[in-house]
Amino acid sequence: MKKVYQLLLLAALFCVVSPAAAQHKTDAEWLQLIKKDYRQFAREFTADSPTDFAKTQKVVHWLVQHFEWKATDYQKRTVEQIIARGGGNCAELASITKAMLKELQVQQRTVQEINLHKESEQRQENARQLVQEKGNRGSVFGRQHNDHVWLEVYDVTTKQWQPVDPSLGLVGLQDWLKSRVLFEERQLLDPTGHDMIVPMAIFVLGPGGELLEDRTQHYLVQAFNQYYGQRLQTLPEWETWQSSLASLGPKCYQAFAGKTNLHQYGQEIAQLGQVYQKLKVSYNSKK
């Protein structure tokens, strides 16, 4: 990701002002500090942030400017190794953010999703090989779907868990909705995010992969409908959208648990994509 592109979009999307702490450190010095001690970086860089949510915004917006998304290579790395590498995949970027938020005592948790994705035969072949080698857990991505990792932080002001996506540069529910479910053209800090059509299953998983909370209804039914002024529930496709999510959700979780090969449900996944497109057409026709 090019830094110029990131900086321009960051200013346009978030109206971010350089933090006060930056007055006594250059950008190169901040980079040097995070590579030396990311915990100290987190403390110093957010020292002027009044709330946990503001600290999270500052950390995520800085990271998306200075770290690149890198394709998954199935190597296990420490936080220090990911930082030294200058980026990583969504899970690695989330792990950096999680480590710094933990240092700042910000309450957070890890989110796993499976999304409808731009079709790719190469991704399907890669996933098929992974399933053969390591089991059904590899089926969380495939021809027309992909997995994705992000976080939620607890916002004491709203008393709600708020989405935080370090690889896409999203902090807060409105940012998330505008970048992940919006019918109109989306603006993203990471151009690869445009290949994600819409999530279809969202879970908070524990360290052992256990299901702590199913967030699919919260994001893809309640918040989605609310964003569009409760008008989605008036569309003929809305009931099918809900029932399709409810049907696919347990299968997606079972894939994360390694108990189901999600590739067996390709037709059902394709149908969900068709329902989303029909929702889009119906909504726009009634605007």
Protein backbone atom coordinates (compact mmCIF):
# COMPACT_ATOMS: atom_id res chain seq x y z
CA MET A 1 0.00 0.00 0.00
CA LYS A 2 1.47 3.30 -1.01
CA LYS A 3 1.97 5.81 1.78
CA VAL A 4 0.78 8.78 -0.32
CA TYR A 5 -2.48 6.99 -1.12
CA GLN A 6 -2.95 6.11 2.55
CA LEU A 7 -2.30 9.63 3.80
CA LEU A 8 -4.71 11.23 1.35
CA LEU A 9 -7.49 8.81 2.12
CA LEU A 10 -6.85 9.01 5.83
CA ALA A 11 -7.25 12.76 5.82
CA ALA A 12 -10.41 12.57 3.71
CA LEU A 13 -12.09 9.76 5.62
CA PHE A 14 -11.16 10.44 9.20
CA CYS A 15 -10.02 14.06 9.32
CA VAL A 16 -7.11 12.89 11.41
CA VAL A 17 -4.91 15.58 12.92
CA SER A 18 -1.33 14.72 13.78
CA PRO A 19 -1.25 13.77 17.45
CA ALA A 20 0.21 16.22 19.92
CA ALA A 21 2.84 13.66 20.79
CA ALA A 22 4.15 13.91 17.25
CA GLN A 23 5.30 17.45 18.04
CA HIS A 24 8.36 16.05 19.79
CA LYS A 25 8.99 12.98 17.61
CA THR A 26 9.41 12.72 13.88
CA ASP A 27 7.69 10.01 11.90
CA ALA A 28 11.00 8.17 11.58
CA GLU A 29 11.45 8.30 15.35
CA TRP A 30 8.01 6.80 15.95
CA LEU A 31 8.87 4.00 13.54
CA GLN A 32 12.13 3.40 15.33
CA LEU A 33 10.37 3.33 18.69
CA ILE A 34 7.68 0.83 17.69
CA LYS A 35 10.36 -1.51 16.36
CA LYS A 36 12.35 -1.16 19.57
CA ASP A 37 9.46 -1.37 22.06
CA TYR A 38 5.85 -1.40 20.85
CA ARG A 39 4.58 -1.15 24.44
CA GLN A 40 6.40 2.12 25.03
CA PHE A 41 5.24 3.33 21.62
CA ALA A 42 1.62 2.65 22.55
CA ARG A 43 1.92 4.52 25.85
CA GLU A 44 3.70 7.57 24.45
CA PHE A 45 1.74 7.82 21.20
CA THR A 46 -1.65 7.82 22.93
CA ALA A 47 -0.63 9.86 25.96
CA ASP A 48 -2.89 12.76 24.95
CA SER A 49 -5.91 10.57 24.10
CA PRO A 50 -8.68 11.06 26.68
CA THR A 51 -10.61 7.80 26.18
CA ASP A 52 -10.01 4.16 25.29
CA PHE A 53 -11.88 4.68 22.02
CA ALA A 54 -9.68 7.67 21.12
CA LYS A 55 -6.55 5.64 21.92
CA THR A 56 -7.79 2.87 19.65
CA GLN A 57 -8.46 5.31 16.81
CA LYS A 58 -5.00 6.81 17.11
CA VAL A 59 -3.24 3.44 17.12
CA VAL A 60 -5.22 1.99 14.20
CA HIS A 61 -4.96 5.08 12.01
CA TRP A 62 -1.20 5.25 12.54
CA LEU A 63 -0.71 1.55 11.83
CA VAL A 64 -2.67 1.66 8.58
CA GLN A 65 -0.36 4.43 7.35
CA HIS A 66 2.87 2.62 8.17
CA PHE A 67 2.22 -1.10 7.87
CA GLU A 68 1.36 -3.02 4.73
CA TRP A 69 -1.12 -5.82 4.20
CA LYS A 70 0.80 -8.94 3.22
CA ALA A 71 -0.64 -12.19 1.90
CA THR A 72 -0.98 -15.12 4.28
CA ASP A 73 2.04 -17.44 4.27
CA TYR A 74 1.02 -19.61 7.26
CA GLN A 75 4.10 -18.68 9.27
CA LYS A 76 3.66 -18.06 12.99
CA ARG A 77 5.23 -14.80 14.08
CA THR A 78 5.53 -12.86 17.30
CA VAL A 79 4.29 -9.28 17.51
CA GLU A 80 7.90 -8.10 17.31
CA GLN A 81 8.49 -10.16 14.16
CA ILE A 82 5.38 -8.79 12.47
CA ILE A 83 6.47 -5.24 13.27
CA ALA A 84 9.99 -5.90 11.99
CA ARG A 85 8.49 -7.32 8.79
CA GLY A 86 6.54 -4.10 8.26
CA GLY A 87 3.08 -5.67 8.06
CA GLY A 88 1.17 -8.88 7.67
CA ASN A 89 -2.21 -10.36 6.93
CA CYS A 90 -5.40 -9.34 8.71
CA ALA A 91 -4.77 -11.67 11.66
CA GLU A 92 -1.22 -10.41 12.13
CA LEU A 93 -2.23 -6.75 11.94
CA ALA A 94 -4.99 -7.48 14.45
CA SER A 95 -2.46 -9.14 16.76
CA ILE A 96 -0.25 -6.02 16.75
CA THR A 97 -3.22 -3.85 17.58
CA LYS A 98 -4.44 -6.25 20.24
CA ALA A 99 -1.03 -6.28 21.93
CA MET A 100 -0.84 -2.49 22.06
CA LEU A 101 -4.42 -2.12 23.30
CA LYS A 102 -3.67 -4.67 26.01
CA GLU A 103 -0.72 -2.53 27.09
CA LEU A 104 -3.11 0.44 27.24
CA GLN A 105 -5.60 -1.63 29.26
CA VAL A 106 -8.27 -1.23 26.60
CA GLN A 107 -10.81 -4.02 26.80
CA GLN A 108 -10.85 -5.86 23.48
CA ARG A 109 -11.66 -9.21 21.89
CA THR A 110 -10.93 -11.00 18.63
CA VAL A 111 -13.52 -11.35 15.87
CA GLN A 112 -13.51 -13.89 13.05
CA GLU A 113 -15.70 -13.52 9.99
CA ILE A 114 -16.39 -15.23 6.70
CA ASN A 115 -17.40 -12.92 3.88
CA LEU A 116 -18.80 -13.16 0.39
CA HIS A 117 -15.84 -12.40 -1.82
CA LYS A 118 -14.96 -11.73 -5.42
CA GLU A 119 -14.66 -15.15 -7.09
CA SER A 120 -11.22 -16.68 -7.48
CA GLU A 121 -10.44 -20.14 -8.78
CA GLN A 122 -6.89 -19.83 -7.43
CA ARG A 123 -8.20 -19.18 -3.93
CA GLN A 124 -10.45 -22.23 -4.25
CA GLU A 125 -7.52 -24.40 -5.30
CA ASN A 126 -5.37 -23.10 -2.45
CA ALA A 127 -8.17 -23.79 0.00
CA ARG A 128 -8.78 -27.27 -1.40
CA GLN A 129 -5.14 -28.17 -0.92
CA LEU A 130 -5.16 -26.79 2.62
CA VAL A 131 -8.23 -28.88 3.48
CA GLN A 132 -6.43 -31.99 2.23
CA GLU A 133 -3.32 -31.17 4.24
CA LYS A 134 -4.76 -29.79 7.48
CA GLY A 135 -8.49 -30.53 7.55
CA ASN A 136 -11.78 -28.69 7.29
CA ARG A 137 -10.50 -25.53 9.02
CA GLY A 138 -9.00 -24.62 5.64
CA SER A 139 -12.47 -24.39 4.10
CA VAL A 140 -13.15 -21.02 5.74
CA PHE A 141 -11.97 -19.58 2.43
CA GLY A 142 -12.75 -20.70 -1.09
CA ARG A 143 -13.93 -19.72 -4.55
CA GLN A 144 -16.48 -17.11 -3.49
CA HIS A 145 -15.80 -16.62 0.21
CA ASN A 146 -12.90 -15.66 2.45
CA ASP A 147 -12.13 -15.39 6.15
CA HIS A 148 -11.12 -12.19 7.88
CA VAL A 149 -9.93 -11.23 11.38
CA TRP A 150 -10.53 -8.01 13.28
CA LEU A 151 -11.29 -6.82 16.83
CA GLU A 152 -13.97 -5.28 18.97
CA VAL A 153 -13.18 -2.79 21.74
CA TYR A 154 -15.52 -1.89 24.55
CA ASP A 155 -16.56 1.76 24.38
CA VAL A 156 -17.50 2.95 27.87
CA THR A 157 -19.29 5.98 26.42
CA THR A 158 -21.81 3.96 24.39
CA LYS A 159 -21.48 0.89 26.64
CA GLN A 160 -21.19 -1.22 23.51
CA TRP A 161 -18.58 -3.30 21.73
CA GLN A 162 -17.34 -1.36 18.70
CA PRO A 163 -15.72 -2.89 15.59
CA VAL A 164 -12.03 -2.21 14.96
CA ASP A 165 -10.47 -3.47 11.73
CA PRO A 166 -6.72 -2.74 11.65
CA SER A 167 -6.16 -4.04 8.12
CA LEU A 168 -8.95 -1.87 6.65
CA GLY A 169 -8.42 1.12 8.94
CA LEU A 170 -11.94 1.02 10.43
CA VAL A 171 -12.83 2.13 13.95
CA GLY A 172 -16.44 2.34 15.11
CA LEU A 173 -19.75 1.01 13.87
CA GLN A 174 -20.48 3.75 11.33
CA ASP A 175 -17.06 3.36 9.69
CA TRP A 176 -17.56 -0.39 9.62
CA LEU A 177 -21.03 -0.24 8.06
CA LYS A 178 -20.00 2.27 5.39
CA SER A 179 -17.06 0.10 4.38
CA ARG A 180 -18.48 -3.42 4.75
CA VAL A 181 -22.20 -3.48 3.87
CA LEU A 182 -22.85 -0.24 1.98
CA PHE A 183 -24.76 -0.55 -1.30
CA GLU A 184 -23.09 2.56 -2.69
CA GLU A 185 -19.43 2.89 -3.66
CA ARG A 186 -17.23 2.27 -0.66
CA GLN A 187 -14.14 4.18 0.42
CA LEU A 188 -11.44 2.05 1.98
CA LEU A 189 -7.90 2.70 3.11
CA ASP A 190 -6.96 -0.75 1.82
CA PRO A 191 -7.99 -1.22 -1.85
CA THR A 192 -8.01 -5.02 -1.39
CA GLY A 193 -11.08 -4.54 0.79
CA HIS A 194 -13.15 -3.90 -2.32
CA ASP A 195 -12.96 -7.62 -3.09
CA MET A 196 -14.98 -8.25 0.07
CA ILE A 197 -18.63 -8.04 -0.98
CA VAL A 198 -20.32 -8.41 2.41
CA PRO A 199 -19.74 -10.51 5.55
CA MET A 200 -21.98 -13.55 6.00
CA ALA A 201 -20.94 -14.79 9.46
CA ILE A 202 -19.30 -12.93 12.35
CA PHE A 203 -18.15 -14.56 15.58
CA VAL A 204 -16.27 -13.65 18.72
CA LEU A 205 -14.07 -16.67 19.30
CA GLY A 206 -12.06 -17.59 22.37
CA PRO A 207 -8.35 -18.47 22.41
CA GLY A 208 -9.20 -22.13 21.84
CA GLY A 209 -11.57 -21.38 18.98
CA GLU A 210 -14.66 -21.71 21.15
CA LEU A 211 -17.69 -19.60 20.27
CA LEU A 212 -18.08 -16.78 22.79
CA GLU A 213 -20.72 -14.80 20.91
CA ASP A 214 -22.40 -14.87 17.51
CA ARG A 215 -22.41 -11.26 16.24
CA THR A 216 -23.96 -11.97 12.83
CA GLN A 217 -27.43 -10.72 13.74
CA HIS A 218 -26.03 -7.62 15.42
CA TYR A 219 -24.02 -6.46 12.40
CA LEU A 220 -25.79 -7.94 9.38
CA VAL A 221 -29.42 -7.61 10.45
CA GLN A 222 -29.92 -5.05 13.19
CA ALA A 223 -27.13 -2.54 12.40
CA PHE A 224 -27.46 -3.05 8.63
CA ASN A 225 -31.19 -2.34 8.74
CA GLN A 226 -30.74 0.59 11.11
CA TYR A 227 -28.10 2.16 8.87
CA TYR A 228 -30.68 2.28 6.08
CA GLY A 229 -33.33 3.81 8.31
CA GLN A 230 -35.17 0.51 8.96
CA ARG A 231 -36.18 0.46 5.30
CA LEU A 232 -34.49 -2.84 4.49
CA GLN A 233 -37.09 -4.70 6.53
CA THR A 234 -39.75 -3.45 4.11
CA LEU A 235 -38.08 -5.09 1.10
CA PRO A 236 -39.32 -8.49 -0.17
CA GLU A 237 -35.80 -9.97 -0.02
CA TRP A 238 -35.21 -9.07 3.63
CA GLU A 239 -36.76 -12.21 5.09
CA THR A 240 -34.70 -14.38 2.74
CA TRP A 241 -31.56 -12.47 3.72
CA GLN A 242 -32.19 -13.22 7.39
CA SER A 243 -33.06 -16.87 6.87
CA SER A 244 -30.01 -17.40 4.63
CA LEU A 245 -27.70 -15.91 7.26
CA ALA A 246 -29.31 -18.09 9.93
CA SER A 247 -28.80 -21.19 7.79
CA LEU A 248 -25.17 -20.50 6.88
CA GLY A 249 -24.06 -19.25 10.29
CA PRO A 250 -23.76 -22.63 12.07
CA LYS A 251 -21.99 -24.11 9.04
CA CYS A 252 -19.47 -21.28 9.06
CA TYR A 253 -18.77 -21.79 12.75
CA GLN A 254 -18.41 -25.54 12.25
CA ALA A 255 -15.85 -24.78 9.52
CA PHE A 256 -13.87 -22.62 11.96
CA ALA A 257 -14.06 -25.53 14.41
CA GLY A 258 -12.79 -27.91 11.74
CA LYS A 259 -15.95 -30.01 11.81
CA THR A 260 -17.47 -29.03 8.45
CA ASN A 261 -16.11 -28.50 4.94
CA LEU A 262 -17.71 -25.21 3.95
CA HIS A 263 -16.95 -25.93 0.29
CA GLN A 264 -19.91 -28.32 0.34
CA TYR A 265 -22.22 -25.32 0.64
CA GLY A 266 -21.03 -23.36 -2.37
CA GLN A 267 -24.52 -23.13 -3.84
CA GLU A 268 -25.95 -21.78 -0.59
CA ILE A 269 -23.15 -19.19 -0.39
CA ALA A 270 -23.82 -18.14 -3.99
CA GLN A 271 -27.52 -17.76 -3.22
CA LEU A 272 -26.73 -15.46 -0.30
CA GLY A 273 -24.69 -13.30 -2.68
CA GLN A 274 -27.65 -13.14 -5.04
CA VAL A 275 -29.97 -12.09 -2.22
CA TYR A 276 -27.58 -9.28 -1.25
CA GLN A 277 -27.56 -8.01 -4.83
CA LYS A 278 -31.37 -8.17 -4.96
CA LEU A 279 -31.56 -6.18 -1.73
CA LYS A 280 -29.33 -3.57 -3.32
CA VAL A 281 -31.47 -3.36 -6.47
CA SER A 282 -34.73 -3.21 -4.51
CA TYR A 283 -33.46 -0.53 -2.15
CA ASN A 284 -32.12 1.65 -4.95
CA SER A 285 -35.34 1.29 -6.93
CA LYS A 286 -37.30 2.75 -4.01
CA LYS A 287 -34.98 5.66 -3.23
